[in-house]
Each structure stands twice: as structure tokens, then as C-alpha cells.
C-alpha atoms as a PDB file:
ATOM      1  CA  MET A   1       0.000   0.000   0.000  1.00  0.00           C
ATOM      2  CA  ARG A   2       1.326   3.455  -0.832  1.00  0.00           C
ATOM      3  CA  SER A   3       2.040   5.729   2.102  1.00  0.00           C
ATOM      4  CA  LEU A   4      -0.223   8.670   2.816  1.00  0.00           C
ATOM      5  CA  SER A   5       2.556  11.037   1.668  1.00  0.00           C
ATOM      6  CA  CYS A   6       2.702   9.340  -1.716  1.00  0.00           C
ATOM      7  CA  MET A   7      -1.047   9.167  -2.066  1.00  0.00           C
ATOM      8  CA  ILE A   8      -1.678  12.844  -1.552  1.00  0.00           C
ATOM      9  CA  GLY A   9       1.687  14.359  -2.453  1.00  0.00           C
ATOM     10  CA  TYR A  10       2.497  15.766   0.994  1.00  0.00           C
ATOM     11  CA  ASP A  11       5.949  17.245   1.467  1.00  0.00           C
ATOM     12  CA  ALA A  12       6.796  18.193   5.070  1.00  0.00           C
ATOM     13  CA  LYS A  13       9.217  20.838   3.837  1.00  0.00           C
ATOM     14  CA  ASN A  14       6.637  22.555   1.697  1.00  0.00           C
ATOM     15  CA  SER A  15       3.499  23.754   3.510  1.00  0.00           C
ATOM     16  CA  ALA A  16       1.888  24.506   0.150  1.00  0.00           C
ATOM     17  CA  THR A  17       1.357  20.768  -0.299  1.00  0.00           C
ATOM     18  CA  MET A  18      -0.346  20.145   3.039  1.00  0.00           C
ATOM     19  CA  PRO A  19      -3.128  17.600   2.631  1.00  0.00           C
ATOM     20  CA  LYS A  20      -6.599  19.107   2.656  1.00  0.00           C
ATOM     21  CA  LEU A  21      -9.989  17.739   3.633  1.00  0.00           C
ATOM     22  CA  SER A  22     -13.029  19.243   1.933  1.00  0.00           C
ATOM     23  CA  ILE A  23     -16.148  19.120   4.113  1.00  0.00           C
ATOM     24  CA  ILE A  24     -19.250  19.240   1.924  1.00  0.00           C
ATOM     25  CA  ILE A  25     -22.489  20.303   3.645  1.00  0.00           C
ATOM     26  CA  PRO A  26     -25.736  19.943   1.663  1.00  0.00           C
ATOM     27  CA  CYS A  27     -28.403  22.176   3.178  1.00  0.00           C
ATOM     28  CA  TYR A  28     -32.132  22.411   2.620  1.00  0.00           C
ATOM     29  CA  ASN A  29     -34.267  24.424   5.067  1.00  0.00           C
ATOM     30  CA  GLU A  30     -32.026  23.895   8.096  1.00  0.00           C
ATOM     31  CA  GLU A  31     -32.255  27.310   9.738  1.00  0.00           C
ATOM     32  CA  LYS A  32     -32.922  25.724  13.150  1.00  0.00           C
ATOM     33  CA  THR A  33     -29.574  23.928  13.257  1.00  0.00           C
ATOM     34  CA  LEU A  34     -27.345  25.526  10.624  1.00  0.00           C
ATOM     35  CA  ASP A  35     -25.727  28.182  12.803  1.00  0.00           C
ATOM     36  CA  ALA A  36     -24.810  25.730  15.565  1.00  0.00           C
ATOM     37  CA  LEU A  37     -23.610  23.179  13.033  1.00  0.00           C
ATOM     38  CA  LEU A  38     -21.293  25.612  11.257  1.00  0.00           C
ATOM     39  CA  THR A  39     -19.850  26.751  14.580  1.00  0.00           C
ATOM     40  CA  LYS A  40     -18.993  23.128  15.353  1.00  0.00           C
ATOM     41  CA  VAL A  41     -17.497  22.459  11.930  1.00  0.00           C
ATOM     42  CA  LEU A  42     -15.321  25.565  12.089  1.00  0.00           C
ATOM     43  CA  ALA A  43     -14.035  24.423  15.481  1.00  0.00           C
ATOM     44  CA  ILE A  44     -12.868  21.024  14.176  1.00  0.00           C
ATOM     45  CA  THR A  45      -9.196  20.319  14.806  1.00  0.00           C
ATOM     46  CA  LEU A  46      -7.786  17.909  12.243  1.00  0.00           C
ATOM     47  CA  PRO A  47      -4.597  15.884  12.773  1.00  0.00           C
ATOM     48  CA  VAL A  48      -1.406  17.639  11.708  1.00  0.00           C
ATOM     49  CA  PRO A  49      -0.689  18.348   8.852  1.00  0.00           C
ATOM     50  CA  TRP A  50      -4.270  18.393   7.530  1.00  0.00           C
ATOM     51  CA  GLU A  51      -6.117  21.578   6.715  1.00  0.00           C
ATOM     52  CA  LYS A  52      -9.812  21.885   5.918  1.00  0.00           C
ATOM     53  CA  GLU A  53     -12.150  23.738   3.634  1.00  0.00           C
ATOM     54  CA  ILE A  54     -15.884  24.022   4.218  1.00  0.00           C
ATOM     55  CA  ILE A  55     -18.339  24.139   1.328  1.00  0.00           C
ATOM     56  CA  VAL A  56     -22.063  24.523   1.978  1.00  0.00           C
ATOM     57  CA  VAL A  57     -24.516  23.924  -0.851  1.00  0.00           C
ATOM     58  CA  ASP A  58     -27.860  25.617  -0.222  1.00  0.00           C
ATOM     59  CA  ASP A  59     -30.276  23.422  -2.147  1.00  0.00           C
ATOM     60  CA  ALA A  60     -32.778  26.230  -2.859  1.00  0.00           C
ATOM     61  CA  SER A  61     -33.835  26.639   0.781  1.00  0.00           C
ATOM     62  CA  THR A  62     -37.012  28.643   1.366  1.00  0.00           C
ATOM     63  CA  ASP A  63     -36.394  29.433   5.052  1.00  0.00           C
ATOM     64  CA  GLY A  64     -33.670  31.579   6.621  1.00  0.00           C
ATOM     65  CA  SER A  65     -30.752  29.279   5.764  1.00  0.00           C
ATOM     66  CA  SER A  66     -29.370  31.640   3.127  1.00  0.00           C
ATOM     67  CA  LYS A  67     -29.286  34.555   5.568  1.00  0.00           C
ATOM     68  CA  ILE A  68     -27.377  32.456   8.081  1.00  0.00           C
ATOM     69  CA  LEU A  69     -24.860  31.415   5.438  1.00  0.00           C
ATOM     70  CA  ALA A  70     -24.273  35.056   4.551  1.00  0.00           C
ATOM     71  CA  THR A  71     -22.956  35.696   8.065  1.00  0.00           C
ATOM     72  CA  TYR A  72     -20.257  33.064   7.501  1.00  0.00           C
ATOM     73  CA  ALA A  73     -19.165  34.351   4.105  1.00  0.00           C
ATOM     74  CA  ASP A  74     -15.625  35.145   5.297  1.00  0.00           C
ATOM     75  CA  ARG A  75     -15.045  31.662   6.747  1.00  0.00           C
ATOM     76  CA  ILE A  76     -16.726  29.208   4.394  1.00  0.00           C
ATOM     77  CA  SER A  77     -17.659  28.827   0.758  1.00  0.00           C
ATOM     78  CA  SER A  78     -21.334  28.601  -0.063  1.00  0.00           C
ATOM     79  CA  ILE A  79     -23.216  27.818  -3.251  1.00  0.00           C
ATOM     80  CA  ARG A  80     -26.883  28.521  -3.898  1.00  0.00           C
ATOM     81  CA  GLN A  81     -28.722  26.024  -6.091  1.00  0.00           C
ATOM     82  CA  PRO A  82     -31.335  27.678  -8.384  1.00  0.00           C
ATOM     83  CA  LYS A  83     -33.812  24.881  -7.656  1.00  0.00           C
ATOM     84  CA  ASN A  84     -34.064  21.993  -5.229  1.00  0.00           C
ATOM     85  CA  GLY A  85     -32.403  18.901  -6.678  1.00  0.00           C
ATOM     86  CA  GLY A  86     -32.040  16.605  -3.668  1.00  0.00           C
ATOM     87  CA  LYS A  87     -29.134  15.722  -1.432  1.00  0.00           C
ATOM     88  CA  GLY A  88     -27.178  13.840  -4.072  1.00  0.00           C
ATOM     89  CA  THR A  89     -27.326  16.738  -6.491  1.00  0.00           C
ATOM     90  CA  ALA A  90     -26.253  19.207  -3.804  1.00  0.00           C
ATOM     91  CA  VAL A  91     -23.329  17.006  -2.805  1.00  0.00           C
ATOM     92  CA  ARG A  92     -22.219  16.688  -6.422  1.00  0.00           C
ATOM     93  CA  THR A  93     -22.275  20.474  -6.733  1.00  0.00           C
ATOM     94  CA  GLY A  94     -20.052  20.745  -3.667  1.00  0.00           C
ATOM     95  CA  PHE A  95     -17.616  18.156  -4.968  1.00  0.00           C
ATOM     96  CA  ALA A  96     -17.219  20.141  -8.189  1.00  0.00           C
ATOM     97  CA  GLN A  97     -15.937  23.114  -6.157  1.00  0.00           C
ATOM     98  CA  ALA A  98     -13.797  21.124  -3.720  1.00  0.00           C
ATOM     99  CA  THR A  99     -10.007  21.412  -3.792  1.00  0.00           C
ATOM    100  CA  GLY A 100      -9.150  18.916  -1.057  1.00  0.00           C
ATOM    101  CA  ASP A 101      -7.322  15.624  -1.423  1.00  0.00           C
ATOM    102  CA  TYR A 102     -10.191  13.909   0.383  1.00  0.00           C
ATOM    103  CA  VAL A 103     -13.856  14.805   0.740  1.00  0.00           C
ATOM    104  CA  VAL A 104     -16.371  14.047   3.479  1.00  0.00           C
ATOM    105  CA  ILE A 105     -20.103  14.690   3.683  1.00  0.00           C
ATOM    106  CA  GLN A 106     -21.611  16.494   6.691  1.00  0.00           C
ATOM    107  CA  ASP A 107     -25.375  16.955   7.030  1.00  0.00           C
ATOM    108  CA  ALA A 108     -26.592  20.398   8.066  1.00  0.00           C
ATOM    109  CA  ASP A 109     -28.490  19.138  11.099  1.00  0.00           C
ATOM    110  CA  LEU A 110     -27.064  18.086  14.466  1.00  0.00           C
ATOM    111  CA  GLU A 111     -27.596  14.325  14.216  1.00  0.00           C
ATOM    112  CA  TYR A 112     -23.845  13.842  13.768  1.00  0.00           C
ATOM    113  CA  ASP A 113     -21.016  15.377  15.817  1.00  0.00           C
ATOM    114  CA  PRO A 114     -18.524  17.159  13.506  1.00  0.00           C
ATOM    115  CA  GLY A 115     -15.867  16.712  16.174  1.00  0.00           C
ATOM    116  CA  GLU A 116     -15.671  13.052  15.139  1.00  0.00           C
ATOM    117  CA  ILE A 117     -14.649  13.791  11.548  1.00  0.00           C
ATOM    118  CA  ALA A 118     -10.977  13.731  12.551  1.00  0.00           C
ATOM    119  CA  ALA A 119     -11.317  10.060  13.539  1.00  0.00           C
ATOM    120  CA  LEU A 120     -12.224   9.206   9.940  1.00  0.00           C
ATOM    121  CA  LEU A 121      -8.701  10.126   8.874  1.00  0.00           C
ATOM    122  CA  GLU A 122      -7.022   7.550  11.142  1.00  0.00           C
ATOM    123  CA  PRO A 123      -7.428   4.533   8.807  1.00  0.00           C
ATOM    124  CA  ILE A 124      -6.101   6.692   5.965  1.00  0.00           C
ATOM    125  CA  HIS A 125      -2.967   7.583   7.948  1.00  0.00           C
ATOM    126  CA  ALA A 126      -2.478   3.934   8.898  1.00  0.00           C
ATOM    127  CA  GLY A 127      -2.719   2.860   5.260  1.00  0.00           C
ATOM    128  CA  HIS A 128      -5.608   0.509   6.021  1.00  0.00           C
ATOM    129  CA  ALA A 129      -8.127   2.012   3.607  1.00  0.00           C
ATOM    130  CA  GLU A 130      -8.881   4.681   1.039  1.00  0.00           C
ATOM    131  CA  VAL A 131     -12.578   4.963   1.963  1.00  0.00           C
ATOM    132  CA  VAL A 132     -13.776   5.404   5.544  1.00  0.00           C
ATOM    133  CA  TYR A 133     -17.380   5.259   6.783  1.00  0.00           C
ATOM    134  CA  GLY A 134     -18.499   6.446  10.199  1.00  0.00           C
ATOM    135  CA  SER A 135     -20.677   3.666  11.590  1.00  0.00           C
ATOM    136  CA  ARG A 136     -23.541   4.397  13.975  1.00  0.00           C
ATOM    137  CA  THR A 137     -24.095   0.686  14.470  1.00  0.00           C
ATOM    138  CA  ILE A 138     -20.790  -0.129  16.176  1.00  0.00           C
ATOM    139  CA  SER A 139     -20.822   2.835  18.556  1.00  0.00           C
ATOM    140  CA  PRO A 140     -22.043   2.091  22.109  1.00  0.00           C
ATOM    141  CA  HIS A 141     -23.092   5.731  22.485  1.00  0.00           C
ATOM    142  CA  THR A 142     -25.516   5.956  19.575  1.00  0.00           C
ATOM    143  CA  VAL A 143     -29.144   6.793  20.297  1.00  0.00           C
ATOM    144  CA  LYS A 144     -30.977   3.934  18.596  1.00  0.00           C
ATOM    145  CA  GLY A 145     -34.038   5.775  17.311  1.00  0.00           C
ATOM    146  CA  SER A 146     -37.235   4.069  16.179  1.00  0.00           C
ATOM    147  CA  LEU A 147     -37.414   0.530  14.851  1.00  0.00           C
ATOM    148  CA  LEU A 148     -38.514   1.262  11.267  1.00  0.00           C
ATOM    149  CA  PRO A 149     -35.536   3.470  10.308  1.00  0.00           C
ATOM    150  CA  ARG A 150     -33.097   1.068  11.961  1.00  0.00           C
ATOM    151  CA  THR A 151     -34.623  -1.838  10.071  1.00  0.00           C
ATOM    152  CA  GLY A 152     -34.328   0.078   6.811  1.00  0.00           C
ATOM    153  CA  VAL A 153     -30.644   0.792   7.424  1.00  0.00           C
ATOM    154  CA  ARG A 154     -30.037  -2.864   8.208  1.00  0.00           C
ATOM    155  CA  VAL A 155     -31.793  -4.069   5.066  1.00  0.00           C
ATOM    156  CA  LEU A 156     -29.933  -1.647   2.800  1.00  0.00           C
ATOM    157  CA  THR A 157     -26.599  -2.505   4.411  1.00  0.00           C
ATOM    158  CA  ILE A 158     -27.140  -6.237   3.962  1.00  0.00           C
ATOM    159  CA  LEU A 159     -28.149  -5.681   0.337  1.00  0.00           C
ATOM    160  CA  VAL A 160     -25.054  -3.610  -0.471  1.00  0.00           C
ATOM    161  CA  ASN A 161     -22.770  -6.099   1.297  1.00  0.00           C
ATOM    162  CA  THR A 162     -24.313  -9.029  -0.573  1.00  0.00           C
ATOM    163  CA  LEU A 163     -24.213  -7.421  -3.998  1.00  0.00           C
ATOM    164  CA  HIS A 164     -20.738  -5.911  -3.687  1.00  0.00           C
ATOM    165  CA  ASP A 165     -18.784  -8.235  -1.401  1.00  0.00           C
ATOM    166  CA  LEU A 166     -18.423  -5.684   1.395  1.00  0.00           C
ATOM    167  CA  GLN A 167     -18.578  -5.989   5.178  1.00  0.00           C
ATOM    168  CA  LEU A 168     -20.060  -2.660   6.182  1.00  0.00           C
ATOM    169  CA  THR A 169     -22.302  -2.209   9.212  1.00  0.00           C
ATOM    170  CA  ASP A 170     -23.888   1.124   8.226  1.00  0.00           C
ATOM    171  CA  VAL A 171     -24.138   1.943   4.533  1.00  0.00           C
ATOM    172  CA  CYS A 172     -26.615   4.777   5.179  1.00  0.00           C
ATOM    173  CA  THR A 173     -24.347   6.869   7.384  1.00  0.00           C
ATOM    174  CA  CYS A 174     -23.801  10.502   6.510  1.00  0.00           C
ATOM    175  CA  TYR A 175     -20.074  10.288   7.224  1.00  0.00           C
ATOM    176  CA  LYS A 176     -18.375   8.967   4.113  1.00  0.00           C
ATOM    177  CA  LEU A 177     -14.770   9.981   3.471  1.00  0.00           C
ATOM    178  CA  PHE A 178     -13.049   9.151   0.196  1.00  0.00           C
ATOM    179  CA  PRO A 179     -10.481  10.588  -2.261  1.00  0.00           C
ATOM    180  CA  ARG A 180     -11.667  13.590  -4.231  1.00  0.00           C
ATOM    181  CA  GLU A 181     -10.422  11.858  -7.391  1.00  0.00           C
ATOM    182  CA  SER A 182     -13.325   9.432  -6.973  1.00  0.00           C
ATOM    183  CA  ALA A 183     -15.983  12.085  -6.242  1.00  0.00           C
ATOM    184  CA  HIS A 184     -17.269  11.813  -9.812  1.00  0.00           C
ATOM    185  CA  LEU A 185     -18.664   8.409  -8.821  1.00  0.00           C
ATOM    186  CA  PHE A 186     -21.238  10.095  -6.568  1.00  0.00           C
ATOM    187  CA  LYS A 187     -24.422  10.300  -8.597  1.00  0.00           C
ATOM    188  CA  ALA A 188     -26.760  13.273  -8.614  1.00  0.00           C
ATOM    189  CA  GLY A 189     -30.187  12.632  -7.142  1.00  0.00           C
ATOM    190  CA  GLY A 190     -31.798  12.214  -3.743  1.00  0.00           C
ATOM    191  CA  PHE A 191     -31.265   9.867  -0.783  1.00  0.00           C
ATOM    192  CA  GLU A 192     -30.381   6.957  -3.066  1.00  0.00           C
ATOM    193  CA  SER A 193     -27.160   8.744  -4.112  1.00  0.00           C
ATOM    194  CA  ASP A 194     -25.867   8.247  -0.566  1.00  0.00           C
ATOM    195  CA  ILE A 195     -26.268   4.481  -0.964  1.00  0.00           C
ATOM    196  CA  LEU A 196     -25.061   4.073  -4.544  1.00  0.00           C
ATOM    197  CA  ILE A 197     -21.651   5.564  -3.780  1.00  0.00           C
ATOM    198  CA  ALA A 198     -20.689   2.434  -1.829  1.00  0.00           C
ATOM    199  CA  ALA A 199     -21.403   0.308  -4.899  1.00  0.00           C
ATOM    200  CA  ALA A 200     -19.431   2.617  -7.176  1.00  0.00           C
ATOM    201  CA  LEU A 201     -16.415   2.825  -4.860  1.00  0.00           C
ATOM    202  CA  SER A 202     -16.430  -0.937  -4.425  1.00  0.00           C
ATOM    203  CA  ARG A 203     -16.444  -1.539  -8.174  1.00  0.00           C
ATOM    204  CA  ALA A 204     -13.523   0.889  -8.486  1.00  0.00           C
ATOM    205  CA  GLY A 205     -11.477  -1.272  -6.112  1.00  0.00           C
ATOM    206  CA  TYR A 206     -11.172   1.027  -3.108  1.00  0.00           C
ATOM    207  CA  ARG A 207     -10.613  -0.535   0.309  1.00  0.00           C
ATOM    208  CA  PHE A 208     -13.171   0.320   2.982  1.00  0.00           C
ATOM    209  CA  ALA A 209     -12.849   0.833   6.726  1.00  0.00           C
ATOM    210  CA  GLU A 210     -15.324   1.897   9.398  1.00  0.00           C
ATOM    211  CA  VAL A 211     -14.894   3.854  12.620  1.00  0.00           C
ATOM    212  CA  PRO A 212     -17.542   4.197  15.339  1.00  0.00           C
ATOM    213  CA  ILE A 213     -19.410   7.506  15.570  1.00  0.00           C
ATOM    214  CA  THR A 214     -22.196   8.797  17.771  1.00  0.00           C
ATOM    215  CA  TYR A 215     -25.633   9.691  16.464  1.00  0.00           C
ATOM    216  CA  ARG A 216     -28.679  11.557  17.722  1.00  0.00           C
ATOM    217  CA  PRO A 217     -31.571  10.976  15.324  1.00  0.00           C
ATOM    218  CA  ARG A 218     -34.100  13.722  14.764  1.00  0.00           C
ATOM    219  CA  THR A 219     -37.830  13.189  14.796  1.00  0.00           C
ATOM    220  CA  ARG A 220     -40.115  14.264  11.963  1.00  0.00           C
ATOM    221  CA  ALA A 221     -41.231  17.189  14.136  1.00  0.00           C
ATOM    222  CA  GLU A 222     -37.593  18.279  14.434  1.00  0.00           C
ATOM    223  CA  GLY A 223     -37.157  18.274  10.670  1.00  0.00           C
ATOM    224  CA  LYS A 224     -36.294  14.693   9.721  1.00  0.00           C
ATOM    225  CA  LYS A 225     -36.746  14.435   5.946  1.00  0.00           C
ATOM    226  CA  ILE A 226     -36.100  10.751   5.157  1.00  0.00           C
ATOM    227  CA  ARG A 227     -39.257   8.639   4.773  1.00  0.00           C
ATOM    228  CA  TYR A 228     -39.795   4.881   4.384  1.00  0.00           C
ATOM    229  CA  ARG A 229     -40.531   5.367   0.676  1.00  0.00           C
ATOM    230  CA  ASP A 230     -36.968   6.696   0.239  1.00  0.00           C
ATOM    231  CA  GLY A 231     -35.661   3.366   1.503  1.00  0.00           C
ATOM    232  CA  LEU A 232     -37.875   1.403  -0.847  1.00  0.00           C
ATOM    233  CA  TRP A 233     -36.743   3.550  -3.757  1.00  0.00           C
ATOM    234  CA  ALA A 234     -33.088   3.005  -2.748  1.00  0.00           C
ATOM    235  CA  ILE A 235     -33.571  -0.783  -2.796  1.00  0.00           C
ATOM    236  CA  GLY A 236     -34.930  -0.611  -6.335  1.00  0.00           C
ATOM    237  CA  VAL A 237     -32.138   1.673  -7.488  1.00  0.00           C
ATOM    238  CA  LEU A 238     -29.459  -0.563  -5.940  1.00  0.00           C
ATOM    239  CA  LEU A 239     -30.811  -3.622  -7.716  1.00  0.00           C
ATOM    240  CA  ALA A 240     -31.099  -1.760 -11.008  1.00  0.00           C
ATOM    241  CA  ASP A 241     -27.536  -0.454 -10.639  1.00  0.00           C
ATOM    242  CA  TRP A 242     -26.243  -3.983  -9.988  1.00  0.00           C
ATOM    243  CA  ILE A 243     -28.038  -5.354 -13.050  1.00  0.00           C
ATOM    244  CA  ILE A 244     -26.840  -2.516 -15.274  1.00  0.00           C
ATOM    245  CA  HIS A 245     -23.242  -3.239 -14.299  1.00  0.00           C
ATOM    246  CA  GLY A 246     -23.653  -6.938 -14.968  1.00  0.00           C
ATOM    247  CA  GLY A 247     -23.534  -8.005 -11.338  1.00  0.00           C
ATOM    248  CA  VAL A 248     -19.855  -7.057 -11.204  1.00  0.00           C
ATOM    249  CA  LYS A 249     -18.309  -7.584  -7.801  1.00  0.00           C
ATOM    250  CA  ARG A 250     -15.377  -5.684  -6.380  1.00  0.00           C
ATOM    251  CA  PRO A 251     -11.999  -6.261  -8.111  1.00  0.00           C
ATOM    252  CA  ARG A 252      -8.819  -6.994  -6.183  1.00  0.00           C
ATOM    253  CA  ALA A 253      -7.935  -4.203  -3.734  1.00  0.00           C
ATOM    254  CA  ARG A 254      -5.664  -1.496  -5.030  1.00  0.00           C
ATOM    255  CA  THR A 255      -2.007  -1.513  -4.017  1.00  0.00           C
END
């Protein structure tokens, strides 16, 4: 396995080549949590020598999200979508503007703790993986939430593992970190885009790792947007994707 320095071109004598992590935040009508979330993301301390950039994609919000983003104009980059295209489309827009060596997705609510993003870099440093997922399932501190969403996550995870020879425990997690060079594999769309990326990265031969993260699920009253029909749609899309690609399983891991 190549060292981290080789993978991302880091030269300790030249600060201009410090590795960078791009944090992509899709946002749609999150005025209740956006300010607190951005404060937390700005406060993240990454392992030396990493630096970070923050890109928020406002997916045509109709509440006060845009006004909140304006107050952070000197500390983050923000992009306003002309019309709502779904999370996958917003994330793709953010990736197109990213300049980091790696990218990670951060939702604009407070279900995930941005302070745990740094832990996602540990398997990269150790040379154990090129793709790292933050798993809610293996953390003892995760709030479980209701049965239906947990069942949906389990079903989708089993399906992805079966179709693509993976051993993930939480394919639906927000926290997905992978090389920016592979960001083009993330498809535009809605919730299903978050699931399809695992299939695409697997087919491309990237090695996966998971680290435990905490999670505090929102209720529908608090603004939760995912519905059971999104899970059913994701199952159909995953199966269609697998058929389109001829049932191809993951090739030998990259070296």
C-alpha cells in the first residue's frame, strides 16, 4: 500500500502541499440547526498536517438558511442552487468546487457530531483504507431511534454487502470519506445517491474501513426528511444499478 505522503503528495518541507480535507455540507431548510452546526465544523481540529475547507450547498432553501450562510461568508464557501435537486445533487455540486485531497459529507443538522470527523482520517494515515465510513451501528453511544428506520438501514446494508462483497455495518451513514479523485462516482439525485456511492467505490477497487461515531436521530417534528418510501426507492435503485453493471463484484484491492 502506498504511504499517505505518496497518495496525496504531501511534502513536510513545503506547507503549500499540506493535505486538505473538503467538508461538503448539503443544506435544505435547516435554519434551526445551521448556525450551531457551522460553529462546530469551524471548530474542528484535524490531525497535523491536515487543513480543511468548508463548502455549503444551499439546495434552494425557502427558510432563513441563506441569511445564516451570509454571516459566515468570510469563513466558508457557499453555493446557492437555483432549484431543489435533492441531497445527491447538492453534494455533487459541492464536490465540483472542492479542492481537497479527500472529501467528506456532513449533514446540516445536528444528528452527527462534527468533532468526530478527525477520527475518519485515522485509517487513511495507517494505510488501512482509502474509503472510511463512520458507523452508527458499532458505537455504544448511539441513540438507537425508532425501529422502522433502523430496520431500513439494516436491510440496505445487507443488500449492499451481498451485492458488492463488502462488510459494512452502516451503509446509510452521513459520514463517508473518500479521495476527491473518486468524487465523480457520486451520482446526482436524492437519498439513493448516498447508498449508490458504496457500490461505485467498491467496483472501483477502493478498500473500505469503518470507525464508530455517535448519532442523535431527529424526529419528523424536528425536521427529519427521510421517509420509508426513500428506503424502498433506494432498494430498487441498488438492484437496477447492480443489473446494469452486470452483477460485477469488487476487483482486487488497489495496491
